[in-house]
Protein backbone atom coordinates (compact mmCIF):
# COMPACT_ATOMS: atom_id res chain seq x y z
CA UNK A 1 115.05 -1.04 131.22
CA UNK A 2 112.46 1.71 130.91
CA UNK A 3 110.33 1.72 127.80
CA UNK A 4 108.18 4.58 126.65
CA UNK A 5 105.68 4.96 129.46
CA UNK A 6 102.95 7.35 130.54
CA UNK A 7 102.79 10.57 128.55
CA UNK A 8 103.14 13.60 130.86
CA UNK A 9 102.76 16.94 129.12
CA UNK A 10 105.68 19.29 129.82
CA UNK A 11 105.40 22.84 128.52
CA UNK A 12 108.50 24.66 129.69
CA UNK A 13 112.21 24.10 129.33
CA UNK A 14 112.59 24.45 133.09
CA UNK A 15 110.11 21.62 133.73
CA UNK A 16 111.69 19.45 131.06
CA UNK A 17 115.14 20.02 132.57
CA UNK A 18 113.91 19.13 136.06
CA UNK A 19 112.32 15.91 134.87
CA UNK A 20 115.44 15.02 132.86
CA UNK A 21 117.77 15.46 135.85
CA UNK A 22 115.41 13.47 138.09
CA UNK A 23 115.26 10.68 135.48
CA UNK A 24 119.05 10.55 135.24
CA UNK A 25 119.44 10.19 139.01
CA UNK A 26 116.78 7.47 139.23
CA UNK A 27 118.65 5.46 136.58
CA UNK A 28 121.99 5.57 138.35
CA UNK A 29 123.84 8.24 136.35
CA UNK A 30 126.74 9.93 138.15
CA UNK A 31 126.83 13.60 139.14
CA UNK A 32 129.40 14.44 136.43
CA UNK A 33 127.04 13.12 133.76
CA UNK A 34 124.08 14.95 135.31
CA UNK A 35 126.05 18.21 135.47
CA UNK A 36 126.91 17.88 131.79
CA UNK A 37 123.19 17.74 130.96
CA UNK A 38 122.49 20.67 133.31
CA UNK A 39 125.16 22.83 131.65
CA UNK A 40 123.76 22.16 128.17
CA UNK A 41 120.24 22.95 129.37
CA UNK A 42 121.51 26.26 130.81
CA UNK A 43 123.15 27.14 127.48
CA UNK A 44 119.88 26.35 125.73
CA UNK A 45 118.02 28.60 128.18
CA UNK A 46 120.44 31.50 127.53
CA UNK A 47 119.99 30.95 123.77
CA UNK A 48 116.23 31.35 124.19
CA UNK A 49 116.65 34.53 126.26
CA UNK A 50 119.06 36.05 123.73
CA UNK A 51 116.67 35.36 120.86
CA UNK A 52 113.49 36.39 122.69
CA UNK A 53 111.99 32.89 122.71
CA UNK A 54 109.59 32.42 125.62
CA UNK A 55 108.37 28.85 125.08
CA UNK A 56 110.47 25.79 124.29
CA UNK A 57 109.75 23.49 121.34
CA UNK A 58 111.83 20.78 119.61
CA UNK A 59 112.59 23.11 116.69
CA UNK A 60 114.13 25.53 119.21
CA UNK A 61 116.55 22.77 120.20
CA UNK A 62 117.50 22.24 116.56
CA UNK A 63 118.13 25.96 116.09
CA UNK A 64 120.24 26.02 119.26
CA UNK A 65 122.44 23.15 118.04
CA UNK A 66 122.97 24.83 114.67
CA UNK A 67 123.91 28.13 116.32
CA UNK A 68 126.07 26.56 119.04
CA UNK A 69 128.19 24.42 116.73
CA UNK A 70 128.53 27.08 114.04
CA UNK A 71 131.08 28.94 116.17
CA UNK A 72 132.80 25.98 117.86
CA UNK A 73 135.22 23.36 116.61
CA UNK A 74 134.37 20.47 118.92
CA UNK A 75 135.13 16.77 119.03
CA UNK A 76 132.57 14.21 117.92
CA UNK A 77 132.04 12.77 121.45
CA UNK A 78 131.32 16.25 122.86
CA UNK A 79 128.97 17.09 120.02
CA UNK A 80 127.16 13.79 120.56
CA UNK A 81 126.74 14.52 124.29
CA UNK A 82 125.21 17.95 123.63
CA UNK A 83 122.88 16.51 120.99
CA UNK A 84 121.86 13.77 123.44
CA UNK A 85 120.82 16.38 126.03
CA UNK A 86 118.70 18.27 123.49
CA UNK A 87 117.15 15.00 122.32
CA UNK A 88 116.19 14.01 125.86
CA UNK A 89 114.80 17.47 126.66
CA UNK A 90 112.67 17.24 123.53
CA UNK A 91 111.36 13.84 124.60
CA UNK A 92 110.33 15.10 128.05
CA UNK A 93 108.77 18.21 126.52
CA UNK A 94 106.61 15.94 124.33
CA UNK A 95 105.57 13.85 127.31
CA UNK A 96 107.75 10.84 126.52
CA UNK A 97 110.34 8.91 128.51
CA UNK A 98 113.54 9.04 126.40
CA UNK A 99 115.34 5.93 125.26
CA UNK A 100 118.78 5.34 126.78
CA UNK A 101 120.25 5.33 123.26
CA UNK A 102 118.97 7.17 120.23
CA UNK A 103 118.11 4.64 117.55
CA UNK A 104 117.35 7.03 114.69
CA UNK A 105 119.96 6.86 111.99
CA UNK A 106 120.33 10.11 109.99
CA UNK A 107 120.56 8.01 106.84
CA UNK A 108 117.38 6.22 107.83
CA UNK A 109 115.59 9.55 108.13
CA UNK A 110 116.36 10.26 104.48
CA UNK A 111 114.79 6.99 103.35
CA UNK A 112 111.25 8.35 103.60
CA UNK A 113 108.01 8.32 101.65
CA UNK A 114 107.45 5.64 99.04
CA UNK A 115 111.02 4.39 99.33
CA UNK A 116 110.55 3.71 103.04
CA UNK A 117 107.35 1.76 102.36
CA UNK A 118 109.05 -0.34 99.68
CA UNK A 119 111.96 -0.94 102.03
CA UNK A 120 109.74 -2.17 104.89
CA UNK A 121 107.83 -4.41 102.49
CA UNK A 122 111.14 -5.92 101.42
CA UNK A 123 112.14 -6.70 105.00
CA UNK A 124 108.74 -8.30 105.62
CA UNK A 125 109.34 -10.42 102.51
CA UNK A 126 112.75 -11.44 103.86
CA UNK A 127 111.19 -12.46 107.17
CA UNK A 128 108.43 -14.53 105.59
CA UNK A 129 111.03 -16.29 103.40
CA UNK A 130 112.95 -17.50 106.44
CA UNK A 131 115.93 -15.16 106.54
CA UNK A 132 117.55 -14.86 109.96
CA UNK A 133 117.14 -11.72 112.03
CA UNK A 134 120.89 -11.00 111.83
CA UNK A 135 120.76 -11.23 108.02
CA UNK A 136 117.78 -8.88 107.84
CA UNK A 137 119.57 -6.41 110.13
CA UNK A 138 122.57 -6.43 107.82
CA UNK A 139 120.38 -5.95 104.75
CA UNK A 140 118.59 -3.08 106.44
CA UNK A 141 121.91 -1.36 107.04
CA UNK A 142 123.08 -1.71 103.44
CA UNK A 143 119.71 -0.96 101.80
CA UNK A 144 119.20 2.19 103.86
CA UNK A 145 122.71 3.27 102.90
CA UNK A 146 121.86 2.52 99.25
CA UNK A 147 118.73 4.70 99.34
CA UNK A 148 120.70 7.44 101.10
CA UNK A 149 123.32 7.41 98.33
CA UNK A 150 120.66 7.40 95.61
CA UNK A 151 119.09 10.47 97.19
CA UNK A 152 122.47 12.22 97.18
CA UNK A 153 122.62 11.42 93.46
CA UNK A 154 119.23 13.03 92.83
CA UNK A 155 116.88 10.04 93.08
CA UNK A 156 114.17 10.70 95.70
CA UNK A 157 111.78 7.99 94.51
CA UNK A 158 113.04 4.48 93.81
CA UNK A 159 110.58 4.03 90.91
CA UNK A 160 112.39 6.84 89.07
CA UNK A 161 115.91 5.52 89.54
CA UNK A 162 118.29 5.63 86.56
CA UNK A 163 120.87 2.98 85.69
CA UNK A 164 123.79 5.37 86.08
CA UNK A 165 122.62 6.32 89.59
CA UNK A 166 122.62 2.66 90.63
CA UNK A 167 126.13 2.13 89.25
CA UNK A 168 127.48 5.24 90.96
CA UNK A 169 125.82 4.39 94.29
CA UNK A 170 127.34 0.90 94.27
CA UNK A 171 130.82 2.28 93.63
CA UNK A 172 130.40 4.70 96.56
CA UNK A 173 130.17 1.82 99.05
CA UNK A 174 133.32 1.31 101.10
CA UNK A 175 132.21 -2.17 102.17
CA UNK A 176 132.02 -4.24 98.99
CA UNK A 177 130.12 -6.98 100.86
CA UNK A 178 127.09 -4.69 100.45
CA UNK A 179 126.89 -5.43 96.74
CA UNK A 180 125.34 -8.88 97.09
CA UNK A 181 122.64 -7.47 99.39
CA UNK A 182 121.93 -4.60 97.00
CA UNK A 183 121.66 -7.06 94.12
CA UNK A 184 119.03 -9.06 96.02
CA UNK A 185 117.11 -5.86 96.85
CA UNK A 186 117.03 -4.81 93.20
CA UNK A 187 115.77 -8.25 92.15
CA UNK A 188 112.96 -7.90 94.69
CA UNK A 189 112.11 -4.42 93.35
CA UNK A 190 111.92 -5.75 89.79
CA UNK A 191 109.50 -8.46 90.86
CA UNK A 192 107.33 -6.27 93.10
CA UNK A 193 107.42 -2.70 91.77
CA UNK A 194 105.42 -2.38 88.53
CA UNK A 195 107.38 -1.00 85.60
CA UNK A 196 110.79 -1.11 87.29
CA UNK A 197 113.49 -2.81 85.25
CA UNK A 198 115.80 -5.48 86.60
CA UNK A 199 118.90 -3.46 87.45
CA UNK A 200 120.53 -6.21 89.50
CA UNK A 201 122.99 -6.94 86.68
CA UNK A 202 124.45 -3.44 87.13
CA UNK A 203 125.76 -4.33 90.59
CA UNK A 204 129.45 -5.36 90.45
CA UNK A 205 130.49 -8.77 91.67
CA UNK A 206 132.77 -9.14 94.64
CA UNK A 207 134.44 -12.28 95.89
CA UNK A 208 135.70 -12.23 99.44
CA UNK A 209 139.48 -12.78 99.42
CA UNK A 210 140.55 -16.09 100.90
CA UNK A 211 142.80 -15.40 103.87
CA UNK A 212 144.25 -17.56 106.61
CA UNK A 213 142.45 -17.17 109.97
CA UNK A 214 144.15 -14.89 112.49
CA UNK A 215 145.52 -16.87 115.43
CA UNK A 216 147.31 -16.12 118.69
CA UNK A 217 149.53 -18.56 120.53
CA UNK A 218 148.60 -20.03 123.90
CA UNK A 219 151.35 -17.93 125.50
CA UNK A 220 149.96 -14.74 123.94
CA UNK A 221 146.45 -15.57 125.14
CA UNK A 222 147.73 -16.16 128.67
CA UNK A 223 149.40 -12.73 128.57
CA UNK A 224 146.14 -11.13 127.49
CA UNK A 225 144.21 -12.83 130.29
CA UNK A 226 146.74 -11.84 132.96
CA UNK A 227 146.81 -8.23 131.72
CA UNK A 228 143.28 -7.62 132.99
CA UNK A 229 142.86 -5.88 136.35
CA UNK A 230 140.67 -8.41 138.14
CA UNK A 231 140.31 -6.21 141.22
CA UNK A 232 138.15 -3.57 139.54
CA UNK A 233 134.51 -4.24 138.75
CA UNK A 234 135.05 -3.58 135.05
CA UNK A 235 138.03 -5.93 135.05
CA UNK A 236 136.01 -8.73 136.65
CA UNK A 237 133.44 -8.40 133.86
CA UNK A 238 136.03 -8.21 131.08
CA UNK A 239 137.89 -11.25 132.42
CA UNK A 240 134.75 -13.39 132.56
CA UNK A 241 133.78 -12.38 129.03
CA UNK A 242 137.29 -13.02 127.74
CA UNK A 243 137.42 -16.55 129.17
CA UNK A 244 134.21 -17.43 127.34
CA UNK A 245 135.88 -16.72 124.01
CA UNK A 246 139.38 -18.06 124.78
CA UNK A 247 138.15 -21.27 126.47
CA UNK A 248 135.07 -22.05 124.39
CA UNK A 249 135.48 -19.99 121.22
CA UNK A 250 132.04 -18.43 121.69
CA UNK A 251 131.08 -15.65 119.30
CA UNK A 252 130.81 -12.12 120.67
CA UNK A 253 127.07 -12.06 119.84
CA UNK A 254 126.50 -15.05 122.13
CA UNK A 255 128.67 -13.68 124.93
CA UNK A 256 127.04 -10.25 125.14
CA UNK A 257 123.54 -11.81 125.10
CA UNK A 258 124.36 -14.55 127.62
CA UNK A 259 121.51 -14.82 130.16
CA UNK A 260 121.21 -16.32 133.63
CA UNK A 261 118.84 -19.01 132.37
CA UNK A 262 121.68 -20.27 130.16
CA UNK A 263 124.01 -20.72 133.15
CA UNK A 264 123.39 -23.90 135.12
CA UNK A 265 125.61 -23.56 138.19
CA UNK A 266 124.05 -26.58 139.87
CA UNK A 267 124.59 -28.83 136.87
CA UNK A 268 127.86 -27.06 136.05
CA UNK A 269 126.80 -26.51 132.40
CA UNK A 270 126.38 -23.66 129.94
CA UNK A 271 123.59 -24.08 127.37
CA UNK A 272 122.62 -21.49 124.78
CA UNK A 273 121.08 -21.09 121.36
CA UNK A 274 123.69 -19.51 119.13
CA UNK A 275 122.64 -16.12 117.81
CA UNK A 276 124.10 -16.69 114.35
CA UNK A 277 122.97 -20.24 113.63
CA UNK A 278 120.12 -20.90 116.07
CA UNK A 279 121.83 -24.21 116.94
CA UNK A 280 122.01 -25.36 120.57
CA UNK A 281 125.52 -25.17 122.05
CA UNK A 282 126.35 -26.87 125.34
CA UNK A 283 129.52 -27.39 127.35
CA UNK A 284 130.72 -28.10 130.89
CA UNK A 285 131.44 -25.02 132.99
CA UNK A 286 135.20 -25.07 133.40
CA UNK A 287 136.45 -24.29 136.95
CA UNK A 288 138.24 -21.11 135.85
CA UNK A 289 135.17 -19.91 133.94
CA UNK A 290 132.87 -20.73 136.86
CA UNK A 291 135.08 -18.81 139.26
CA UNK A 292 135.22 -15.75 136.98
CA UNK A 293 131.44 -15.73 136.41
CA UNK A 294 130.72 -16.13 140.12
CA UNK A 295 133.15 -13.35 141.04
CA UNK A 296 131.61 -10.95 138.53
CA UNK A 297 127.99 -11.72 139.39
CA UNK A 298 128.54 -11.55 143.17
CA UNK A 299 130.99 -8.66 143.41
CA UNK A 300 130.85 -6.47 140.30
CA UNK A 301 127.58 -6.76 138.37
CA UNK A 302 125.30 -3.71 138.83
CA UNK A 303 121.91 -4.27 140.46
CA UNK A 304 119.49 -4.86 137.60
CA UNK A 305 116.33 -6.85 136.89
CA UNK A 306 117.49 -7.74 133.39
CA UNK A 307 118.34 -11.40 132.72
CA UNK A 308 121.42 -10.48 130.68
CA UNK A 309 124.60 -11.39 132.56
CA UNK A 310 127.09 -8.80 131.30
CA UNK A 311 126.13 -5.15 131.77
CA UNK A 312 127.79 -1.79 131.35
CA UNK A 313 129.65 -0.75 134.48
CA UNK A 314 128.19 2.76 134.28
CA UNK A 315 124.62 3.97 133.88
CA UNK A 316 122.60 3.10 131.94
CA UNK A 317 123.17 -0.47 133.10
CA UNK A 318 122.21 -2.17 129.85
CA UNK A 319 123.91 -5.04 128.04
CA UNK A 320 127.38 -4.67 126.55
CA UNK A 321 127.32 -4.41 122.77
CA UNK A 322 129.35 -6.74 120.58
CA UNK A 323 131.32 -3.81 119.16
CA UNK A 324 132.22 -2.69 122.69
CA UNK A 325 133.44 -6.20 123.51
CA UNK A 326 135.71 -6.04 120.46
CA UNK A 327 137.16 -2.78 121.74
CA UNK A 328 137.75 -4.38 125.16
CA UNK A 329 139.81 -7.16 123.57
CA UNK A 330 141.80 -4.70 121.47
CA UNK A 331 142.72 -2.74 124.62
CA UNK A 332 143.73 -5.96 126.37
CA UNK A 333 146.02 -6.91 123.47
CA UNK A 334 147.68 -3.50 123.58
CA UNK A 335 148.10 -3.62 127.36
CA UNK A 336 149.61 -7.12 127.13
CA UNK A 337 152.10 -5.89 124.52
CA UNK A 338 150.96 -8.39 121.89
CA UNK A 339 152.00 -7.63 118.30
CA UNK A 340 148.80 -7.28 116.26
CA UNK A 341 150.05 -6.30 112.80
CA UNK A 342 148.47 -8.47 110.12
CA UNK A 343 146.10 -10.14 112.58
CA UNK A 344 142.51 -9.48 113.54
CA UNK A 345 142.03 -8.12 117.05
CA UNK A 346 138.45 -9.08 117.88
CA UNK A 347 136.88 -12.05 119.69
CA UNK A 348 136.74 -14.06 116.46
CA UNK A 349 140.55 -14.20 116.41
CA UNK A 350 140.45 -16.11 119.71
CA UNK A 351 137.82 -18.41 118.24
CA UNK A 352 140.22 -19.18 115.39
CA UNK A 353 143.05 -19.55 117.89
CA UNK A 354 141.13 -22.20 119.81
CA UNK A 355 140.45 -24.09 116.58
CA UNK A 356 144.13 -23.85 115.64
CA UNK A 357 145.21 -25.14 119.04
CA UNK A 358 142.88 -28.15 118.82
CA UNK A 359 143.95 -28.93 115.26
CA UNK A 360 147.63 -28.77 116.24
CA UNK A 361 146.85 -31.24 119.04
CA UNK A 362 145.48 -33.65 116.41
CA UNK A 363 141.87 -33.22 117.51
CA UNK A 364 139.67 -34.48 114.64
CA UNK A 365 138.11 -31.78 112.49
CA UNK A 366 134.63 -33.08 113.26
CA UNK A 367 135.23 -32.63 117.00
CA UNK A 368 136.53 -29.11 116.40
CA UNK A 369 133.39 -28.32 114.41
CA UNK A 370 131.12 -29.49 117.21
CA UNK A 371 133.06 -27.74 119.96
CA UNK A 372 132.75 -24.42 118.12
CA UNK A 373 129.07 -25.01 117.40
CA UNK A 374 129.13 -25.15 113.58
CA UNK A 375 126.08 -26.84 112.09
CA UNK A 376 127.53 -27.08 108.57
CA UNK A 377 129.70 -30.20 108.06
CA UNK A 378 131.65 -28.33 105.36
CA UNK A 379 133.00 -26.01 108.08
CA UNK A 380 135.84 -28.50 108.63
CA UNK A 381 137.38 -27.24 105.37
CA UNK A 382 138.02 -23.94 107.12
CA UNK A 383 140.12 -25.61 109.81
CA UNK A 384 142.21 -27.48 107.26
CA UNK A 385 143.70 -24.11 106.22
CA UNK A 386 145.43 -23.72 109.58
CA UNK A 387 146.60 -27.34 109.90
CA UNK A 388 149.97 -26.52 108.33
CA UNK A 389 151.89 -29.48 109.71
CA UNK A 390 149.37 -32.03 108.45
CA UNK A 391 149.13 -30.28 105.09
CA UNK A 392 152.88 -30.79 104.62
CA UNK A 393 152.24 -34.55 104.27
CA UNK A 394 150.28 -33.87 101.08
CA UNK A 395 152.73 -31.48 99.44
CA UNK A 396 153.70 -32.58 95.90
CA UNK A 397 157.47 -32.98 95.42
CA UNK A 398 159.08 -30.46 93.08
CA UNK A 399 160.19 -32.37 89.93
CA UNK A 400 163.78 -32.19 88.76
CA UNK A 401 164.25 -29.69 85.92
CA UNK A 402 164.66 -31.16 82.46
CA UNK A 403 164.89 -30.20 78.80
CA UNK A 404 165.17 -26.54 77.84
CA UNK A 405 164.32 -25.39 81.38
CA UNK A 406 167.27 -27.40 82.81
CA UNK A 407 169.52 -25.97 80.09
CA UNK A 408 168.36 -22.46 80.98
CA UNK A 409 169.16 -23.02 84.68
CA UNK A 410 172.69 -24.11 83.70
CA UNK A 411 173.19 -20.81 81.87
CA UNK A 412 172.08 -21.79 78.41
CA UNK A 413 169.52 -20.02 76.26
CA UNK A 414 165.88 -20.95 75.78
CA UNK A 415 166.11 -21.27 71.99
C-alpha cells in the first residue's frame, strides 16, 4: 500500500493527468478504470479552455465539479467517480501521492476551529481512560455528526451552544444509539470547558429493544455455501470468508483483518486476537476451511506484500471492508433463494446460527461462550433466549380459572 511519499511539484493539468494515469497502471487498475479518469480529465481541460483558465489549481477542480453537475442529473456512483478523479488530480498537482480512498468526511470538515480542538482532546481523553479503538471510532462518528447538526442549527462554537439546539440535534439523529455517546461527550465538555453547563440531562434515554437473535437453519446455510461460484477468483475468496463465519462464528471484523501470521498451516490452527474484545481466540483448522483458504491463497489472491489474507479482487488490492463482507453475504442469501424477511442478513446472523445449533445439540452454554470467543461469563444469558426447547421445561402451568373470571368465561357478568 502506497503512503504519501516524495513530494514532486506538478504545475500543469497535463502533467498531473499523465502522472495520475501512470500511477493507476502501476497499481493494477484496468484500462476501463483508467479511461474513466482520462475522460474526466479531458472534460476538465475543456472547462479550462472555455473559461480562459491557463493554469490548473485545486479551486479550478471545485469550480468544474459545480459547473458539470449543475446541468446533469447523475447517479451517486458516477458523481463519486468524477469527484475521485478531480481529487487525485489535485493531489498530484500539489506534489502528493493520492490515497486509494478519500478519508475526508464532509461532516468532519464542518467540525473545525475550536470545536475540532475540543473534539480531538475528548478522543485523547477516551484513549487515556482505556476505551477500545472501536469504541473511540464509534464515538468519533457520532460526535462529528453532533457538531455537524449543531452547526446546521446555528451553533458554530460549542462554548456558545444553547439547550434547545442540543435537544433538536439529538432528535435529528436517525440512530438512537448515538444518544448515549452524545451524553458522555456533553459530560466531558462540562468538566473540561470552563463555563459550559452540564447539558447531558437534555439527551433522551434510549433502551435497545430486546429481540431474539436471527438464525438460519443448517440446511439454509448449506444452500448459501453451495450458491457461491467457487471457480471464479472472487468466489474462492467469498467462500473462504463465508466458512470462517459459518463454521467458527467469527465476527466480520476478525475475518476481514485475518493475517497470514494468524494461520498456522503446519500446526493446523487458527489463532487471532479478536478485534472487539482483544481476547485470544484459537481453534483447529477444519479440513473444509483449510482447503478453501489454500485454494484462495494459491489460485485467486492478488499478488500483494500486505499480510492481510483477504483482498479486493480488483485494484486497489487492499483489504475487504466489513461492510463489503456484509453485502457479499446478502447477495449469497438472495442467490440461494433464502427467505430473509424479519431476519438479519449479515455475518452476525451466522454467528447466532452457530450458537443456536450448538445449543440445540445440548452443548453447554459455557462451551458455546468459549467457542464464540466471549470473555464475559454473562454472555451465556444471550444463548438462553434461543434455547426454546429447554426453556419449555421451565414454563409455569396456566392455572384453572376460578371465581368471577371463571363465571365470566361461562357467559356470566363480572359484577
